PDB file of N, CA and C in Angstrom:
ATOM      1  N   MET A   1     -12.140  14.976  -2.147  1.00  0.00           N
ATOM      2  CA  MET A   1     -11.739  13.609  -2.050  1.00  0.00           C
ATOM      3  C   MET A   1     -10.509  13.457  -3.114  1.00  0.00           C
ATOM      4  N   TYR A   2     -10.479  14.032  -4.309  1.00  0.00           N
ATOM      5  CA  TYR A   2      -9.438  13.892  -5.193  1.00  0.00           C
ATOM      6  C   TYR A   2      -8.058  14.279  -4.587  1.00  0.00           C
ATOM      7  N   GLY A   3      -8.186  15.756  -3.921  1.00  0.00           N
ATOM      8  CA  GLY A   3      -7.073  16.091  -3.176  1.00  0.00           C
ATOM      9  C   GLY A   3      -6.453  15.198  -2.107  1.00  0.00           C
ATOM     10  N   LYS A   4      -7.378  14.703  -1.352  1.00  0.00           N
ATOM     11  CA  LYS A   4      -6.619  13.650  -0.505  1.00  0.00           C
ATOM     12  C   LYS A   4      -6.102  12.456  -0.954  1.00  0.00           C
ATOM     13  N   ILE A   5      -6.754  11.826  -2.160  1.00  0.00           N
ATOM     14  CA  ILE A   5      -6.157  10.698  -2.689  1.00  0.00           C
ATOM     15  C   ILE A   5      -4.775  11.197  -3.236  1.00  0.00           C
ATOM     16  N   ALA A   6      -4.754  12.407  -4.016  1.00  0.00           N
ATOM     17  CA  ALA A   6      -3.453  12.742  -4.624  1.00  0.00           C
ATOM     18  C   ALA A   6      -2.337  12.966  -3.551  1.00  0.00           C
ATOM     19  N   LYS A   7      -2.707  13.594  -2.281  1.00  0.00           N
ATOM     20  CA  LYS A   7      -1.764  13.887  -1.392  1.00  0.00           C
ATOM     21  C   LYS A   7      -1.111  12.557  -0.830  1.00  0.00           C
ATOM     22  N   SER A   8      -2.183  11.677  -0.575  1.00  0.00           N
ATOM     23  CA  SER A   8      -1.721  10.315   0.066  1.00  0.00           C
ATOM     24  C   SER A   8      -0.678   9.730  -1.179  1.00  0.00           C
ATOM     25  N   LYS A   9      -1.121   9.590  -2.254  1.00  0.00           N
ATOM     26  CA  LYS A   9      -0.437   9.033  -3.315  1.00  0.00           C
ATOM     27  C   LYS A   9       1.035   9.480  -3.537  1.00  0.00           C
ATOM     28  N   SER A  10       0.993  10.954  -3.550  1.00  0.00           N
ATOM     29  CA  SER A  10       2.400  11.454  -3.363  1.00  0.00           C
ATOM     30  C   SER A  10       3.160  11.217  -2.347  1.00  0.00           C
ATOM     31  N   SER A  11       2.776  11.217  -1.119  1.00  0.00           N
ATOM     32  CA  SER A  11       3.431  10.806   0.130  1.00  0.00           C
ATOM     33  C   SER A  11       3.774   9.453   0.238  1.00  0.00           C
ATOM     34  N   ALA A  12       3.067   8.413  -0.417  1.00  0.00           N
ATOM     35  CA  ALA A  12       3.512   7.057  -0.612  1.00  0.00           C
ATOM     36  C   ALA A  12       4.544   6.971  -1.503  1.00  0.00           C
ATOM     37  N   ALA A  13       4.539   7.536  -2.560  1.00  0.00           N
ATOM     38  CA  ALA A  13       5.468   7.653  -3.655  1.00  0.00           C
ATOM     39  C   ALA A  13       6.909   8.024  -3.051  1.00  0.00           C
ATOM     40  N   ASP A  14       6.877   9.116  -2.206  1.00  0.00           N
ATOM     41  CA  ASP A  14       7.954   9.719  -1.704  1.00  0.00           C
ATOM     42  C   ASP A  14       8.750   8.744  -0.750  1.00  0.00           C
ATOM     43  N   LEU A  15       7.743   7.936   0.053  1.00  0.00           N
ATOM     44  CA  LEU A  15       8.450   7.101   1.120  1.00  0.00           C
ATOM     45  C   LEU A  15       9.089   6.057   0.338  1.00  0.00           C
ATOM     46  N   VAL A  16       8.570   5.480  -0.890  1.00  0.00           N
ATOM     47  CA  VAL A  16       9.168   4.312  -1.378  1.00  0.00           C
ATOM     48  C   VAL A  16       9.965   4.416  -2.711  1.00  0.00           C
ATOM     49  N   GLY A  17      10.179   5.723  -2.945  1.00  0.00           N
ATOM     50  CA  GLY A  17      10.946   6.108  -4.196  1.00  0.00           C
ATOM     51  C   GLY A  17      12.413   5.757  -4.136  1.00  0.00           C
ATOM     52  N   ILE A  18      12.900   5.336  -5.274  1.00  0.00           N
ATOM     53  CA  ILE A  18      14.376   5.175  -5.272  1.00  0.00           C
ATOM     54  C   ILE A  18      15.220   6.225  -4.852  1.00  0.00           C
ATOM     55  N   PHE A  19      14.883   7.441  -5.411  1.00  0.00           N
ATOM     56  CA  PHE A  19      15.763   8.713  -4.979  1.00  0.00           C
ATOM     57  C   PHE A  19      14.726   9.323  -3.730  1.00  0.00           C
ATOM     58  N   GLN A  20      15.394   9.243  -2.711  1.00  0.00           N
ATOM     59  CA  GLN A  20      14.919  10.098  -1.406  1.00  0.00           C
ATOM     60  C   GLN A  20      15.350  11.557  -1.325  1.00  0.00           C
ATOM     61  N   GLN A  21      14.209  12.157  -1.578  1.00  0.00           N
ATOM     62  CA  GLN A  21      14.548  13.660  -1.740  1.00  0.00           C
ATOM     63  C   GLN A  21      14.180  14.265  -0.376  1.00  0.00           C
ATOM     64  N   GLY A  22      15.043  15.394  -0.139  1.00  0.00           N
ATOM     65  CA  GLY A  22      14.886  16.190   1.223  1.00  0.00           C
ATOM     66  C   GLY A  22      15.752  15.450   2.252  1.00  0.00           C
ATOM     67  N   SER A  23      15.622  16.163   3.575  1.00  0.00           N
ATOM     68  CA  SER A  23      16.462  15.547   4.687  1.00  0.00           C
ATOM     69  C   SER A  23      15.679  15.192   5.734  1.00  0.00           C
ATOM     70  N   GLN A  24      14.309  14.749   5.501  1.00  0.00           N
ATOM     71  CA  GLN A  24      13.416  13.986   6.483  1.00  0.00           C
ATOM     72  C   GLN A  24      13.698  12.673   6.551  1.00  0.00           C
ATOM     73  N   PRO A  25      13.990  12.289   7.859  1.00  0.00           N
ATOM     74  CA  PRO A  25      14.293  10.907   8.258  1.00  0.00           C
ATOM     75  C   PRO A  25      13.371   9.988   7.615  1.00  0.00           C
ATOM     76  N   LEU A  26      13.570   8.794   7.464  1.00  0.00           N
ATOM     77  CA  LEU A  26      12.453   7.809   6.931  1.00  0.00           C
ATOM     78  C   LEU A  26      11.382   7.540   7.926  1.00  0.00           C
ATOM     79  N   THR A  27      11.672   7.527   9.312  1.00  0.00           N
ATOM     80  CA  THR A  27      10.763   7.347  10.388  1.00  0.00           C
ATOM     81  C   THR A  27       9.538   8.286  10.283  1.00  0.00           C
ATOM     82  N   GLU A  28      10.117   9.610   9.985  1.00  0.00           N
ATOM     83  CA  GLU A  28       9.214  10.849   9.921  1.00  0.00           C
ATOM     84  C   GLU A  28       8.391  10.783   8.620  1.00  0.00           C
ATOM     85  N   LYS A  29       8.848  10.262   7.538  1.00  0.00           N
ATOM     86  CA  LYS A  29       8.078   9.953   6.484  1.00  0.00           C
ATOM     87  C   LYS A  29       7.030   8.751   6.572  1.00  0.00           C
ATOM     88  N   LYS A  30       7.423   7.816   7.226  1.00  0.00           N
ATOM     89  CA  LYS A  30       6.352   6.684   7.557  1.00  0.00           C
ATOM     90  C   LYS A  30       5.245   7.322   8.382  1.00  0.00           C
ATOM     91  N   LYS A  31       5.756   8.155   9.350  1.00  0.00           N
ATOM     92  CA  LYS A  31       4.613   8.704  10.194  1.00  0.00           C
ATOM     93  C   LYS A  31       3.707   9.682   9.425  1.00  0.00           C
ATOM     94  N   ARG A  32       4.354  10.497   8.663  1.00  0.00           N
ATOM     95  CA  ARG A  32       3.683  11.592   7.875  1.00  0.00           C
ATOM     96  C   ARG A  32       2.676  10.673   6.810  1.00  0.00           C
ATOM     97  N   THR A  33       3.426   9.797   6.165  1.00  0.00           N
ATOM     98  CA  THR A  33       2.339   9.053   5.151  1.00  0.00           C
ATOM     99  C   THR A  33       1.273   8.271   5.919  1.00  0.00           C
ATOM    100  N   ALA A  34       1.525   7.656   7.109  1.00  0.00           N
ATOM    101  CA  ALA A  34       0.396   7.209   7.705  1.00  0.00           C
ATOM    102  C   ALA A  34      -0.749   8.149   8.092  1.00  0.00           C
ATOM    103  N   GLU A  35      -0.338   9.346   8.555  1.00  0.00           N
ATOM    104  CA  GLU A  35      -1.449  10.443   9.213  1.00  0.00           C
ATOM    105  C   GLU A  35      -2.017  10.849   7.823  1.00  0.00           C
ATOM    106  N   ILE A  36      -1.570  11.123   6.697  1.00  0.00           N
ATOM    107  CA  ILE A  36      -2.025  11.375   5.510  1.00  0.00           C
ATOM    108  C   ILE A  36      -3.271  10.304   5.089  1.00  0.00           C
ATOM    109  N   TYR A  37      -2.591   9.042   4.975  1.00  0.00           N
ATOM    110  CA  TYR A  37      -3.588   7.968   4.674  1.00  0.00           C
ATOM    111  C   TYR A  37      -4.791   7.883   5.589  1.00  0.00           C
ATOM    112  N   ASN A  38      -4.401   7.931   6.946  1.00  0.00           N
ATOM    113  CA  ASN A  38      -5.617   7.882   7.886  1.00  0.00           C
ATOM    114  C   ASN A  38      -6.682   8.996   7.690  1.00  0.00           C
ATOM    115  N   ASP A  39      -6.161  10.317   7.456  1.00  0.00           N
ATOM    116  CA  ASP A  39      -7.055  11.322   7.066  1.00  0.00           C
ATOM    117  C   ASP A  39      -7.944  11.025   6.078  1.00  0.00           C
ATOM    118  N   MET A  40      -7.329  10.671   4.877  1.00  0.00           N
ATOM    119  CA  MET A  40      -7.903  10.265   3.760  1.00  0.00           C
ATOM    120  C   MET A  40      -9.024   9.241   3.779  1.00  0.00           C
ATOM    121  N   SER A  41      -8.593   8.188   4.478  1.00  0.00           N
ATOM    122  CA  SER A  41      -9.348   7.004   4.706  1.00  0.00           C
ATOM    123  C   SER A  41     -10.700   7.411   5.625  1.00  0.00           C
ATOM    124  N   ALA A  42     -10.290   8.133   6.673  1.00  0.00           N
ATOM    125  CA  ALA A  42     -11.709   8.753   7.566  1.00  0.00           C
ATOM    126  C   ALA A  42     -12.350   9.520   6.816  1.00  0.00           C
ATOM    127  N   TYR A  43     -11.898  10.404   6.228  1.00  0.00           N
ATOM    128  CA  TYR A  43     -12.703  11.373   5.314  1.00  0.00           C
ATOM    129  C   TYR A  43     -13.747  10.603   4.365  1.00  0.00           C
ATOM    130  N   PHE A  44     -13.045   9.555   3.694  1.00  0.00           N
ATOM    131  CA  PHE A  44     -13.816   8.838   2.736  1.00  0.00           C
ATOM    132  C   PHE A  44     -15.148   8.292   3.390  1.00  0.00           C
ATOM    133  N   TYR A  45     -14.770   7.377   4.499  1.00  0.00           N
ATOM    134  CA  TYR A  45     -15.673   6.611   5.255  1.00  0.00           C
ATOM    135  C   TYR A  45     -16.843   7.518   5.904  1.00  0.00           C
ATOM    136  N   GLN A  46     -16.297   8.831   6.331  1.00  0.00           N
ATOM    137  CA  GLN A  46     -17.520   9.756   6.880  1.00  0.00           C
ATOM    138  C   GLN A  46     -18.424  10.141   5.800  1.00  0.00           C
ATOM    139  N   ASN A  47     -17.960  10.529   4.635  1.00  0.00           N
ATOM    140  CA  ASN A  47     -18.622  10.972   3.498  1.00  0.00           C
ATOM    141  C   ASN A  47     -19.031  10.066   2.346  1.00  0.00           C
ATOM    142  N   ARG A  48     -18.929   8.674   2.494  1.00  0.00           N
ATOM    143  CA  ARG A  48     -19.281   7.894   1.544  1.00  0.00           C
ATOM    144  C   ARG A  48     -20.501   7.917   1.273  1.00  0.00           C
ATOM    145  N   ILE A  49     -21.561   8.195   2.035  1.00  0.00           N
ATOM    146  CA  ILE A  49     -22.976   8.242   1.730  1.00  0.00           C
ATOM    147  C   ILE A  49     -23.261   9.288   0.685  1.00  0.00           C
ATOM    148  N   PHE A  50     -22.506  10.246   0.614  1.00  0.00           N
ATOM    149  CA  PHE A  50     -22.680  11.397  -0.391  1.00  0.00           C
ATOM    150  C   PHE A  50     -22.142  11.263  -1.677  1.00  0.00           C
ATOM    151  N   LEU A  51     -21.343   9.897  -1.946  1.00  0.00           N
ATOM    152  CA  LEU A  51     -20.806   9.579  -3.205  1.00  0.00           C
ATOM    153  C   LEU A  51     -21.809   8.869  -4.067  1.00  0.00           C
ATOM    154  N   PRO A  52     -21.962   8.746  -5.276  1.00  0.00           N
ATOM    155  CA  PRO A  52     -22.723   7.755  -5.952  1.00  0.00           C
ATOM    156  C   PRO A  52     -22.197   6.501  -5.753  1.00  0.00           C
ATOM    157  N   ASN A  53     -22.949   5.340  -5.679  1.00  0.00           N
ATOM    158  CA  ASN A  53     -22.380   3.996  -5.326  1.00  0.00           C
ATOM    159  C   ASN A  53     -21.173   3.618  -6.186  1.00  0.00           C
ATOM    160  N   ASP A  54     -21.152   3.731  -7.501  1.00  0.00           N
ATOM    161  CA  ASP A  54     -20.058   3.491  -8.320  1.00  0.00           C
ATOM    162  C   ASP A  54     -18.732   4.290  -7.859  1.00  0.00           C
ATOM    163  N   ALA A  55     -19.080   5.496  -7.582  1.00  0.00           N
ATOM    164  CA  ALA A  55     -17.618   6.243  -7.382  1.00  0.00           C
ATOM    165  C   ALA A  55     -17.231   5.757  -5.915  1.00  0.00           C
ATOM    166  N   ALA A  56     -18.138   5.612  -5.037  1.00  0.00           N
ATOM    167  CA  ALA A  56     -17.737   4.986  -3.758  1.00  0.00           C
ATOM    168  C   ALA A  56     -17.079   3.750  -3.647  1.00  0.00           C
ATOM    169  N   ASP A  57     -17.388   2.791  -4.510  1.00  0.00           N
ATOM    170  CA  ASP A  57     -16.995   1.485  -4.648  1.00  0.00           C
ATOM    171  C   ASP A  57     -15.546   1.718  -5.216  1.00  0.00           C
ATOM    172  N   LYS A  58     -15.228   2.533  -6.258  1.00  0.00           N
ATOM    173  CA  LYS A  58     -13.944   2.722  -6.843  1.00  0.00           C
ATOM    174  C   LYS A  58     -12.979   3.452  -6.034  1.00  0.00           C
ATOM    175  N   ALA A  59     -13.485   4.433  -5.325  1.00  0.00           N
ATOM    176  CA  ALA A  59     -12.716   5.020  -4.055  1.00  0.00           C
ATOM    177  C   ALA A  59     -12.212   4.011  -3.043  1.00  0.00           C
ATOM    178  N   GLU A  60     -13.147   3.117  -2.753  1.00  0.00           N
ATOM    179  CA  GLU A  60     -12.906   2.174  -1.569  1.00  0.00           C
ATOM    180  C   GLU A  60     -11.707   1.143  -2.096  1.00  0.00           C
ATOM    181  N   THR A  61     -11.888   0.705  -3.448  1.00  0.00           N
ATOM    182  CA  THR A  61     -10.964  -0.185  -4.088  1.00  0.00           C
ATOM    183  C   THR A  61      -9.465   0.499  -4.005  1.00  0.00           C
ATOM    184  N   LEU A  62      -9.672   1.790  -4.484  1.00  0.00           N
ATOM    185  CA  LEU A  62      -8.375   2.500  -4.567  1.00  0.00           C
ATOM    186  C   LEU A  62      -7.710   2.709  -3.181  1.00  0.00           C
ATOM    187  N   ILE A  63      -8.595   3.019  -2.116  1.00  0.00           N
ATOM    188  CA  ILE A  63      -8.049   3.054  -0.708  1.00  0.00           C
ATOM    189  C   ILE A  63      -7.321   1.905  -0.338  1.00  0.00           C
ATOM    190  N   GLY A  64      -8.035   0.702  -0.678  1.00  0.00           N
ATOM    191  CA  GLY A  64      -7.498  -0.604  -0.222  1.00  0.00           C
ATOM    192  C   GLY A  64      -6.124  -0.843  -0.943  1.00  0.00           C
ATOM    193  N   THR A  65      -5.967  -0.404  -2.132  1.00  0.00           N
ATOM    194  CA  THR A  65      -4.705  -0.809  -2.615  1.00  0.00           C
ATOM    195  C   THR A  65      -3.410   0.201  -2.244  1.00  0.00           C
ATOM    196  N   LEU A  66      -3.832   1.178  -1.603  1.00  0.00           N
ATOM    197  CA  LEU A  66      -2.697   2.110  -1.189  1.00  0.00           C
ATOM    198  C   LEU A  66      -2.234   1.591  -0.013  1.00  0.00           C
TER     199      LEU A  66
END
């Protein structure tokens, strides 16, 4: 779960960062960020039952703020 959150955060930061690194067009960055977020969100909701309630609630709050 942590790896998916970190990857999502990194992609979002790259999308909105002041200094745009690389030669990837903004539309591709948006698409990639959305795909990464959707993957993380789907993984969380499919596996939520396996997390302790407190951890699941915190992860849900974090996902909602991204």
